Full PDB file with SEQRES, HELIX, SHEET, SSBOND, CRYST1, ORIGX, SCALE, CONECT and MASTER records, all heavy atoms in Angstrom:
SEQRES   1 A   32  VAL VAL CYS MET ASN LEU GLN ASP ALA GLN ASN LYS ILE          
SEQRES   2 A   32  HIS ALA ALA GLY VAL PHE TYR SER ARG SER LYS ASP ALA          
SEQRES   3 A   32  THR GLY LYS SER ARG HIS                                      
HELIX    1 AA1 LEU A    6  ALA A   16  1                                  11    
CRYST1    1.000    1.000    1.000  90.00  90.00  90.00 P 1           1          
ORIGX1      1.000000  0.000000  0.000000        0.00000                         
ORIGX2      0.000000  1.000000  0.000000        0.00000                         
ORIGX3      0.000000  0.000000  1.000000        0.00000                         
SCALE1      1.000000  0.000000  0.000000        0.00000                         
SCALE2      0.000000  1.000000  0.000000        0.00000                         
SCALE3      0.000000  0.000000  1.000000        0.00000                         
ATOM      1  N   VAL A   1     -62.757 -18.797 -12.628  1.00  0.00           N  
ATOM      2  CA  VAL A   1     -61.391 -18.651 -13.146  1.00  0.00           C  
ATOM      3  C   VAL A   1     -60.835 -19.808 -13.952  1.00  0.00           C  
ATOM      4  O   VAL A   1     -59.706 -19.721 -14.368  1.00  0.00           O  
ATOM      5  CB  VAL A   1     -60.449 -18.266 -11.997  1.00  0.00           C  
ATOM      6  CG1 VAL A   1     -60.822 -16.959 -11.409  1.00  0.00           C  
ATOM      7  CG2 VAL A   1     -60.383 -19.275 -10.920  1.00  0.00           C  
ATOM      8  N   VAL A   2     -61.610 -20.855 -14.122  1.00  0.00           N  
ATOM      9  CA  VAL A   2     -61.130 -22.012 -14.901  1.00  0.00           C  
ATOM     10  C   VAL A   2     -60.862 -21.555 -16.369  1.00  0.00           C  
ATOM     11  O   VAL A   2     -61.637 -20.819 -16.837  1.00  0.00           O  
ATOM     12  CB  VAL A   2     -62.131 -23.211 -14.797  1.00  0.00           C  
ATOM     13  CG1 VAL A   2     -61.744 -24.336 -15.670  1.00  0.00           C  
ATOM     14  CG2 VAL A   2     -62.224 -23.698 -13.319  1.00  0.00           C  
ATOM     15  N   CYS A   3     -59.776 -22.133 -16.953  1.00  0.00           N  
ATOM     16  CA  CYS A   3     -59.349 -21.821 -18.248  1.00  0.00           C  
ATOM     17  C   CYS A   3     -58.737 -20.499 -18.397  1.00  0.00           C  
ATOM     18  O   CYS A   3     -58.538 -19.956 -19.526  1.00  0.00           O  
ATOM     19  CB  CYS A   3     -60.465 -22.061 -19.285  1.00  0.00           C  
ATOM     20  SG  CYS A   3     -61.007 -23.797 -19.382  1.00  0.00           S  
ATOM     21  N   MET A   4     -58.369 -19.862 -17.333  1.00  0.00           N  
ATOM     22  CA  MET A   4     -57.609 -18.618 -17.338  1.00  0.00           C  
ATOM     23  C   MET A   4     -56.179 -18.929 -16.999  1.00  0.00           C  
ATOM     24  O   MET A   4     -55.899 -19.871 -16.315  1.00  0.00           O  
ATOM     25  CB  MET A   4     -58.182 -17.572 -16.322  1.00  0.00           C  
ATOM     26  CG  MET A   4     -59.616 -17.198 -16.575  1.00  0.00           C  
ATOM     27  SD  MET A   4     -60.231 -16.037 -15.228  1.00  0.00           S  
ATOM     28  CE  MET A   4     -59.395 -14.554 -15.679  1.00  0.00           C  
ATOM     29  N   ASN A   5     -55.265 -18.020 -17.397  1.00  0.00           N  
ATOM     30  CA  ASN A   5     -53.884 -18.238 -16.906  1.00  0.00           C  
ATOM     31  C   ASN A   5     -53.859 -17.910 -15.397  1.00  0.00           C  
ATOM     32  O   ASN A   5     -54.733 -17.126 -14.960  1.00  0.00           O  
ATOM     33  CB  ASN A   5     -52.829 -17.511 -17.763  1.00  0.00           C  
ATOM     34  CG  ASN A   5     -52.693 -16.089 -17.476  1.00  0.00           C  
ATOM     35  OD1 ASN A   5     -52.678 -15.609 -16.348  1.00  0.00           O  
ATOM     36  ND2 ASN A   5     -52.551 -15.324 -18.547  1.00  0.00           N  
ATOM     37  N   LEU A   6     -52.936 -18.434 -14.714  1.00  0.00           N  
ATOM     38  CA  LEU A   6     -52.898 -18.347 -13.247  1.00  0.00           C  
ATOM     39  C   LEU A   6     -52.795 -16.888 -12.794  1.00  0.00           C  
ATOM     40  O   LEU A   6     -53.539 -16.471 -11.821  1.00  0.00           O  
ATOM     41  CB  LEU A   6     -51.707 -19.173 -12.637  1.00  0.00           C  
ATOM     42  CG  LEU A   6     -51.583 -19.114 -11.208  1.00  0.00           C  
ATOM     43  CD1 LEU A   6     -52.808 -19.568 -10.437  1.00  0.00           C  
ATOM     44  CD2 LEU A   6     -50.341 -19.993 -10.757  1.00  0.00           C  
ATOM     45  N   GLN A   7     -52.039 -16.040 -13.520  1.00  0.00           N  
ATOM     46  CA  GLN A   7     -51.886 -14.657 -13.093  1.00  0.00           C  
ATOM     47  C   GLN A   7     -53.234 -13.905 -13.227  1.00  0.00           C  
ATOM     48  O   GLN A   7     -53.581 -13.198 -12.335  1.00  0.00           O  
ATOM     49  CB  GLN A   7     -50.802 -13.929 -13.878  1.00  0.00           C  
ATOM     50  CG  GLN A   7     -50.546 -12.561 -13.532  1.00  0.00           C  
ATOM     51  CD  GLN A   7     -50.026 -12.418 -12.091  1.00  0.00           C  
ATOM     52  OE1 GLN A   7     -48.971 -12.960 -11.753  1.00  0.00           O  
ATOM     53  NE2 GLN A   7     -50.753 -11.752 -11.229  1.00  0.00           N  
ATOM     54  N   ASP A   8     -53.885 -14.065 -14.364  1.00  0.00           N  
ATOM     55  CA  ASP A   8     -55.164 -13.460 -14.542  1.00  0.00           C  
ATOM     56  C   ASP A   8     -56.201 -13.876 -13.498  1.00  0.00           C  
ATOM     57  O   ASP A   8     -57.040 -13.123 -13.041  1.00  0.00           O  
ATOM     58  CB  ASP A   8     -55.664 -13.693 -16.013  1.00  0.00           C  
ATOM     59  CG  ASP A   8     -54.892 -12.916 -16.966  1.00  0.00           C  
ATOM     60  OD1 ASP A   8     -54.173 -11.916 -16.589  1.00  0.00           O  
ATOM     61  OD2 ASP A   8     -54.904 -13.312 -18.173  1.00  0.00           O  
ATOM     62  N   ALA A   9     -56.212 -15.218 -13.183  1.00  0.00           N  
ATOM     63  CA  ALA A   9     -57.058 -15.785 -12.207  1.00  0.00           C  
ATOM     64  C   ALA A   9     -56.811 -15.179 -10.823  1.00  0.00           C  
ATOM     65  O   ALA A   9     -57.799 -14.787 -10.077  1.00  0.00           O  
ATOM     66  CB  ALA A   9     -56.952 -17.272 -12.133  1.00  0.00           C  
ATOM     67  N   GLN A  10     -55.579 -15.030 -10.452  1.00  0.00           N  
ATOM     68  CA  GLN A  10     -55.223 -14.352  -9.177  1.00  0.00           C  
ATOM     69  C   GLN A  10     -55.678 -12.931  -9.146  1.00  0.00           C  
ATOM     70  O   GLN A  10     -56.188 -12.420  -8.136  1.00  0.00           O  
ATOM     71  CB  GLN A  10     -53.736 -14.478  -8.938  1.00  0.00           C  
ATOM     72  CG  GLN A  10     -53.304 -15.842  -8.613  1.00  0.00           C  
ATOM     73  CD  GLN A  10     -51.789 -15.959  -8.602  1.00  0.00           C  
ATOM     74  OE1 GLN A  10     -51.038 -15.134  -9.174  1.00  0.00           O  
ATOM     75  NE2 GLN A  10     -51.241 -17.096  -7.936  1.00  0.00           N  
ATOM     76  N   ASN A  11     -55.552 -12.199 -10.318  1.00  0.00           N  
ATOM     77  CA  ASN A  11     -55.996 -10.803 -10.371  1.00  0.00           C  
ATOM     78  C   ASN A  11     -57.454 -10.744 -10.148  1.00  0.00           C  
ATOM     79  O   ASN A  11     -57.998  -9.816  -9.541  1.00  0.00           O  
ATOM     80  CB  ASN A  11     -55.560 -10.206 -11.671  1.00  0.00           C  
ATOM     81  CG  ASN A  11     -54.037 -10.063 -11.769  1.00  0.00           C  
ATOM     82  OD1 ASN A  11     -53.307 -10.112 -10.860  1.00  0.00           O  
ATOM     83  ND2 ASN A  11     -53.623  -9.852 -13.051  1.00  0.00           N  
ATOM     84  N   LYS A  12     -58.250 -11.654 -10.754  1.00  0.00           N  
ATOM     85  CA  LYS A  12     -59.690 -11.631 -10.662  1.00  0.00           C  
ATOM     86  C   LYS A  12     -60.090 -11.938  -9.170  1.00  0.00           C  
ATOM     87  O   LYS A  12     -61.086 -11.320  -8.694  1.00  0.00           O  
ATOM     88  CB  LYS A  12     -60.237 -12.705 -11.608  1.00  0.00           C  
ATOM     89  CG  LYS A  12     -61.752 -12.490 -11.846  1.00  0.00           C  
ATOM     90  CD  LYS A  12     -62.201 -13.279 -13.035  1.00  0.00           C  
ATOM     91  CE  LYS A  12     -63.640 -12.914 -13.421  1.00  0.00           C  
ATOM     92  NZ  LYS A  12     -64.100 -13.641 -14.560  1.00  0.00           N  
ATOM     93  N   ILE A  13     -59.396 -12.834  -8.476  1.00  0.00           N  
ATOM     94  CA  ILE A  13     -59.643 -13.122  -7.110  1.00  0.00           C  
ATOM     95  C   ILE A  13     -59.335 -11.923  -6.213  1.00  0.00           C  
ATOM     96  O   ILE A  13     -60.099 -11.514  -5.341  1.00  0.00           O  
ATOM     97  CB  ILE A  13     -58.938 -14.376  -6.629  1.00  0.00           C  
ATOM     98  CG1 ILE A  13     -59.435 -15.653  -7.274  1.00  0.00           C  
ATOM     99  CG2 ILE A  13     -58.894 -14.551  -5.114  1.00  0.00           C  
ATOM    100  CD1 ILE A  13     -58.646 -16.877  -7.140  1.00  0.00           C  
ATOM    101  N   HIS A  14     -58.254 -11.230  -6.570  1.00  0.00           N  
ATOM    102  CA  HIS A  14     -57.913  -9.965  -5.820  1.00  0.00           C  
ATOM    103  C   HIS A  14     -59.030  -8.921  -6.015  1.00  0.00           C  
ATOM    104  O   HIS A  14     -59.389  -8.265  -5.029  1.00  0.00           O  
ATOM    105  CB  HIS A  14     -56.560  -9.397  -6.318  1.00  0.00           C  
ATOM    106  CG  HIS A  14     -55.423 -10.216  -5.950  1.00  0.00           C  
ATOM    107  ND1 HIS A  14     -54.160  -9.879  -6.325  1.00  0.00           N  
ATOM    108  CD2 HIS A  14     -55.207 -11.333  -5.203  1.00  0.00           C  
ATOM    109  CE1 HIS A  14     -53.303 -10.776  -5.890  1.00  0.00           C  
ATOM    110  NE2 HIS A  14     -53.920 -11.639  -5.221  1.00  0.00           N  
ATOM    111  N   ALA A  15     -59.520  -8.767  -7.179  1.00  0.00           N  
ATOM    112  CA  ALA A  15     -60.591  -7.846  -7.454  1.00  0.00           C  
ATOM    113  C   ALA A  15     -61.891  -8.104  -6.721  1.00  0.00           C  
ATOM    114  O   ALA A  15     -62.611  -7.268  -6.438  1.00  0.00           O  
ATOM    115  CB  ALA A  15     -60.850  -7.806  -8.990  1.00  0.00           C  
ATOM    116  N   ALA A  16     -62.078  -9.425  -6.397  1.00  0.00           N  
ATOM    117  CA  ALA A  16     -63.263  -9.863  -5.576  1.00  0.00           C  
ATOM    118  C   ALA A  16     -63.025  -9.474  -4.107  1.00  0.00           C  
ATOM    119  O   ALA A  16     -64.039  -9.531  -3.384  1.00  0.00           O  
ATOM    120  CB  ALA A  16     -63.464 -11.313  -5.805  1.00  0.00           C  
ATOM    121  N   GLY A  17     -61.839  -9.167  -3.692  1.00  0.00           N  
ATOM    122  CA  GLY A  17     -61.542  -8.757  -2.306  1.00  0.00           C  
ATOM    123  C   GLY A  17     -60.673  -9.704  -1.460  1.00  0.00           C  
ATOM    124  O   GLY A  17     -60.529  -9.500  -0.345  1.00  0.00           O  
ATOM    125  N   VAL A  18     -60.246 -10.766  -2.117  1.00  0.00           N  
ATOM    126  CA  VAL A  18     -59.391 -11.726  -1.360  1.00  0.00           C  
ATOM    127  C   VAL A  18     -57.964 -11.654  -1.965  1.00  0.00           C  
ATOM    128  O   VAL A  18     -57.809 -11.690  -3.174  1.00  0.00           O  
ATOM    129  CB  VAL A  18     -59.928 -13.216  -1.470  1.00  0.00           C  
ATOM    130  CG1 VAL A  18     -58.993 -14.129  -0.811  1.00  0.00           C  
ATOM    131  CG2 VAL A  18     -61.277 -13.205  -0.748  1.00  0.00           C  
ATOM    132  N   PHE A  19     -56.962 -11.552  -1.137  1.00  0.00           N  
ATOM    133  CA  PHE A  19     -55.617 -11.361  -1.609  1.00  0.00           C  
ATOM    134  C   PHE A  19     -54.731 -12.553  -1.511  1.00  0.00           C  
ATOM    135  O   PHE A  19     -53.657 -12.622  -2.043  1.00  0.00           O  
ATOM    136  CB  PHE A  19     -54.999 -10.158  -0.885  1.00  0.00           C  
ATOM    137  CG  PHE A  19     -55.725  -8.909  -1.219  1.00  0.00           C  
ATOM    138  CD1 PHE A  19     -56.695  -8.442  -0.389  1.00  0.00           C  
ATOM    139  CD2 PHE A  19     -55.465  -8.205  -2.378  1.00  0.00           C  
ATOM    140  CE1 PHE A  19     -57.401  -7.242  -0.602  1.00  0.00           C  
ATOM    141  CE2 PHE A  19     -56.148  -7.060  -2.665  1.00  0.00           C  
ATOM    142  CZ  PHE A  19     -57.112  -6.634  -1.830  1.00  0.00           C  
ATOM    143  N   TYR A  20     -55.097 -13.620  -0.729  1.00  0.00           N  
ATOM    144  CA  TYR A  20     -54.332 -14.758  -0.611  1.00  0.00           C  
ATOM    145  C   TYR A  20     -55.074 -15.938  -1.166  1.00  0.00           C  
ATOM    146  O   TYR A  20     -56.134 -16.434  -0.634  1.00  0.00           O  
ATOM    147  CB  TYR A  20     -53.993 -15.030   0.862  1.00  0.00           C  
ATOM    148  CG  TYR A  20     -53.196 -16.246   1.107  1.00  0.00           C  
ATOM    149  CD1 TYR A  20     -51.935 -16.454   0.595  1.00  0.00           C  
ATOM    150  CD2 TYR A  20     -53.742 -17.364   1.829  1.00  0.00           C  
ATOM    151  CE1 TYR A  20     -51.219 -17.613   0.806  1.00  0.00           C  
ATOM    152  CE2 TYR A  20     -53.044 -18.518   2.053  1.00  0.00           C  
ATOM    153  CZ  TYR A  20     -51.765 -18.610   1.556  1.00  0.00           C  
ATOM    154  OH  TYR A  20     -51.050 -19.792   1.727  1.00  0.00           O  
ATOM    155  N   SER A  21     -54.504 -16.522  -2.258  1.00  0.00           N  
ATOM    156  CA  SER A  21     -55.032 -17.802  -2.847  1.00  0.00           C  
ATOM    157  C   SER A  21     -53.866 -18.729  -3.053  1.00  0.00           C  
ATOM    158  O   SER A  21     -52.662 -18.326  -3.004  1.00  0.00           O  
ATOM    159  CB  SER A  21     -55.688 -17.427  -4.143  1.00  0.00           C  
ATOM    160  OG  SER A  21     -54.768 -16.887  -5.108  1.00  0.00           O  
ATOM    161  N   ARG A  22     -54.203 -19.880  -3.192  1.00  0.00           N  
ATOM    162  CA  ARG A  22     -53.074 -20.973  -3.392  1.00  0.00           C  
ATOM    163  C   ARG A  22     -53.288 -21.619  -4.706  1.00  0.00           C  
ATOM    164  O   ARG A  22     -54.380 -21.689  -5.247  1.00  0.00           O  
ATOM    165  CB  ARG A  22     -53.183 -22.004  -2.267  1.00  0.00           C  
ATOM    166  CG  ARG A  22     -53.020 -21.412  -0.896  1.00  0.00           C  
ATOM    167  CD  ARG A  22     -53.146 -22.430   0.193  1.00  0.00           C  
ATOM    168  NE  ARG A  22     -54.592 -22.645   0.417  1.00  0.00           N  
ATOM    169  CZ  ARG A  22     -55.062 -23.564   1.256  1.00  0.00           C  
ATOM    170  NH1 ARG A  22     -54.244 -24.388   1.807  1.00  0.00           N  
ATOM    171  NH2 ARG A  22     -56.395 -23.670   1.395  1.00  0.00           N  
ATOM    172  N   SER A  23     -52.186 -22.101  -5.286  1.00  0.00           N  
ATOM    173  CA  SER A  23     -52.207 -22.938  -6.485  1.00  0.00           C  
ATOM    174  C   SER A  23     -51.392 -24.190  -6.270  1.00  0.00           C  
ATOM    175  O   SER A  23     -50.465 -24.254  -5.489  1.00  0.00           O  
ATOM    176  CB  SER A  23     -51.601 -22.096  -7.591  1.00  0.00           C  
ATOM    177  OG  SER A  23     -50.279 -21.798  -7.431  1.00  0.00           O  
ATOM    178  N   LYS A  24     -51.813 -25.264  -7.070  1.00  0.00           N  
ATOM    179  CA  LYS A  24     -51.120 -26.539  -6.928  1.00  0.00           C  
ATOM    180  C   LYS A  24     -51.055 -27.179  -8.308  1.00  0.00           C  
ATOM    181  O   LYS A  24     -51.936 -26.915  -9.174  1.00  0.00           O  
ATOM    182  CB  LYS A  24     -51.823 -27.478  -5.925  1.00  0.00           C  
ATOM    183  CG  LYS A  24     -53.212 -27.894  -6.376  1.00  0.00           C  
ATOM    184  CD  LYS A  24     -53.776 -28.876  -5.341  1.00  0.00           C  
ATOM    185  CE  LYS A  24     -55.087 -29.420  -5.916  1.00  0.00           C  
ATOM    186  NZ  LYS A  24     -55.692 -30.389  -5.089  1.00  0.00           N  
ATOM    187  N   ASP A  25     -50.063 -27.961  -8.514  1.00  0.00           N  
ATOM    188  CA  ASP A  25     -49.869 -28.647  -9.827  1.00  0.00           C  
ATOM    189  C   ASP A  25     -50.835 -29.738  -9.930  1.00  0.00           C  
ATOM    190  O   ASP A  25     -50.896 -30.686  -9.096  1.00  0.00           O  
ATOM    191  CB  ASP A  25     -48.394 -29.207  -9.820  1.00  0.00           C  
ATOM    192  CG  ASP A  25     -48.009 -29.808 -11.119  1.00  0.00           C  
ATOM    193  OD1 ASP A  25     -48.857 -29.913 -12.038  1.00  0.00           O  
ATOM    194  OD2 ASP A  25     -46.853 -30.275 -11.215  1.00  0.00           O  
ATOM    195  N   ALA A  26     -51.697 -29.623 -10.935  1.00  0.00           N  
ATOM    196  CA  ALA A  26     -52.752 -30.670 -11.187  1.00  0.00           C  
ATOM    197  C   ALA A  26     -52.234 -31.952 -11.647  1.00  0.00           C  
ATOM    198  O   ALA A  26     -52.975 -32.980 -11.536  1.00  0.00           O  
ATOM    199  CB  ALA A  26     -53.853 -30.095 -12.145  1.00  0.00           C  
ATOM    200  N   THR A  27     -50.991 -32.070 -12.108  1.00  0.00           N  
ATOM    201  CA  THR A  27     -50.463 -33.340 -12.556  1.00  0.00           C  
ATOM    202  C   THR A  27     -49.997 -34.213 -11.397  1.00  0.00           C  
ATOM    203  O   THR A  27     -49.680 -35.393 -11.608  1.00  0.00           O  
ATOM    204  CB  THR A  27     -49.275 -33.103 -13.582  1.00  0.00           C  
ATOM    205  OG1 THR A  27     -48.251 -32.503 -12.825  1.00  0.00           O  
ATOM    206  CG2 THR A  27     -49.694 -32.262 -14.747  1.00  0.00           C  
ATOM    207  N   GLY A  28     -49.861 -33.660 -10.200  1.00  0.00           N  
ATOM    208  CA  GLY A  28     -49.386 -34.404  -9.065  1.00  0.00           C  
ATOM    209  C   GLY A  28     -47.806 -34.408  -8.981  1.00  0.00           C  
ATOM    210  O   GLY A  28     -47.303 -35.101  -8.050  1.00  0.00           O  
ATOM    211  N   LYS A  29     -47.104 -33.706  -9.790  1.00  0.00           N  
ATOM    212  CA  LYS A  29     -45.653 -33.631  -9.822  1.00  0.00           C  
ATOM    213  C   LYS A  29     -45.151 -32.687  -8.780  1.00  0.00           C  
ATOM    214  O   LYS A  29     -43.948 -32.558  -8.649  1.00  0.00           O  
ATOM    215  CB  LYS A  29     -45.185 -33.265 -11.162  1.00  0.00           C  
ATOM    216  CG  LYS A  29     -45.501 -34.294 -12.265  1.00  0.00           C  
ATOM    217  CD  LYS A  29     -44.965 -33.818 -13.615  1.00  0.00           C  
ATOM    218  CE  LYS A  29     -45.357 -34.826 -14.645  1.00  0.00           C  
ATOM    219  NZ  LYS A  29     -44.955 -34.315 -16.041  1.00  0.00           N  
ATOM    220  N   SER A  30     -46.020 -31.928  -8.175  1.00  0.00           N  
ATOM    221  CA  SER A  30     -45.624 -30.923  -7.098  1.00  0.00           C  
ATOM    222  C   SER A  30     -44.721 -29.878  -7.632  1.00  0.00           C  
ATOM    223  O   SER A  30     -43.757 -29.417  -6.898  1.00  0.00           O  
ATOM    224  CB  SER A  30     -44.982 -31.676  -5.842  1.00  0.00           C  
ATOM    225  OG  SER A  30     -45.944 -32.584  -5.291  1.00  0.00           O  
ATOM    226  N   ARG A  31     -44.880 -29.425  -8.865  1.00  0.00           N  
ATOM    227  CA  ARG A  31     -44.028 -28.391  -9.421  1.00  0.00           C  
ATOM    228  C   ARG A  31     -44.494 -27.073  -8.833  1.00  0.00           C  
ATOM    229  O   ARG A  31     -45.666 -26.837  -8.597  1.00  0.00           O  
ATOM    230  CB  ARG A  31     -44.151 -28.405 -10.933  1.00  0.00           C  
ATOM    231  CG  ARG A  31     -43.565 -29.693 -11.557  1.00  0.00           C  
ATOM    232  CD  ARG A  31     -43.786 -29.661 -13.043  1.00  0.00           C  
ATOM    233  NE  ARG A  31     -45.269 -29.720 -13.314  1.00  0.00           N  
ATOM    234  CZ  ARG A  31     -45.753 -29.808 -14.543  1.00  0.00           C  
ATOM    235  NH1 ARG A  31     -45.003 -29.762 -15.582  1.00  0.00           N  
ATOM    236  NH2 ARG A  31     -47.039 -29.892 -14.753  1.00  0.00           N  
ATOM    237  N   HIS A  32     -43.534 -26.108  -8.671  1.00  0.00           N  
ATOM    238  CA  HIS A  32     -43.817 -24.833  -8.211  1.00  0.00           C  
ATOM    239  C   HIS A  32     -44.190 -23.900  -9.385  1.00  0.00           C  
ATOM    240  O   HIS A  32     -43.637 -24.017 -10.387  1.00  0.00           O  
ATOM    241  CB  HIS A  32     -42.665 -24.264  -7.459  1.00  0.00           C  
ATOM    242  CG  HIS A  32     -42.297 -24.972  -6.246  1.00  0.00           C  
ATOM    243  ND1 HIS A  32     -42.973 -24.908  -5.067  1.00  0.00           N  
ATOM    244  CD2 HIS A  32     -41.327 -25.892  -6.033  1.00  0.00           C  
ATOM    245  CE1 HIS A  32     -42.521 -25.630  -4.200  1.00  0.00           C  
ATOM    246  NE2 HIS A  32     -41.470 -26.293  -4.687  1.00  0.00           N  
TER     247      HIS A  32                                                      
MASTER        0    0    0    1    0    0    0    6  246    1    0    3          
END                                                                             
């Protein structure tokens, strides 16, 4: 899922059968 927008990446993970994934700000700024 690298280089995908977060929504599309989550959709692909859901299609694989997992519904709970987490995301974090890679800059370290802890943005939501």
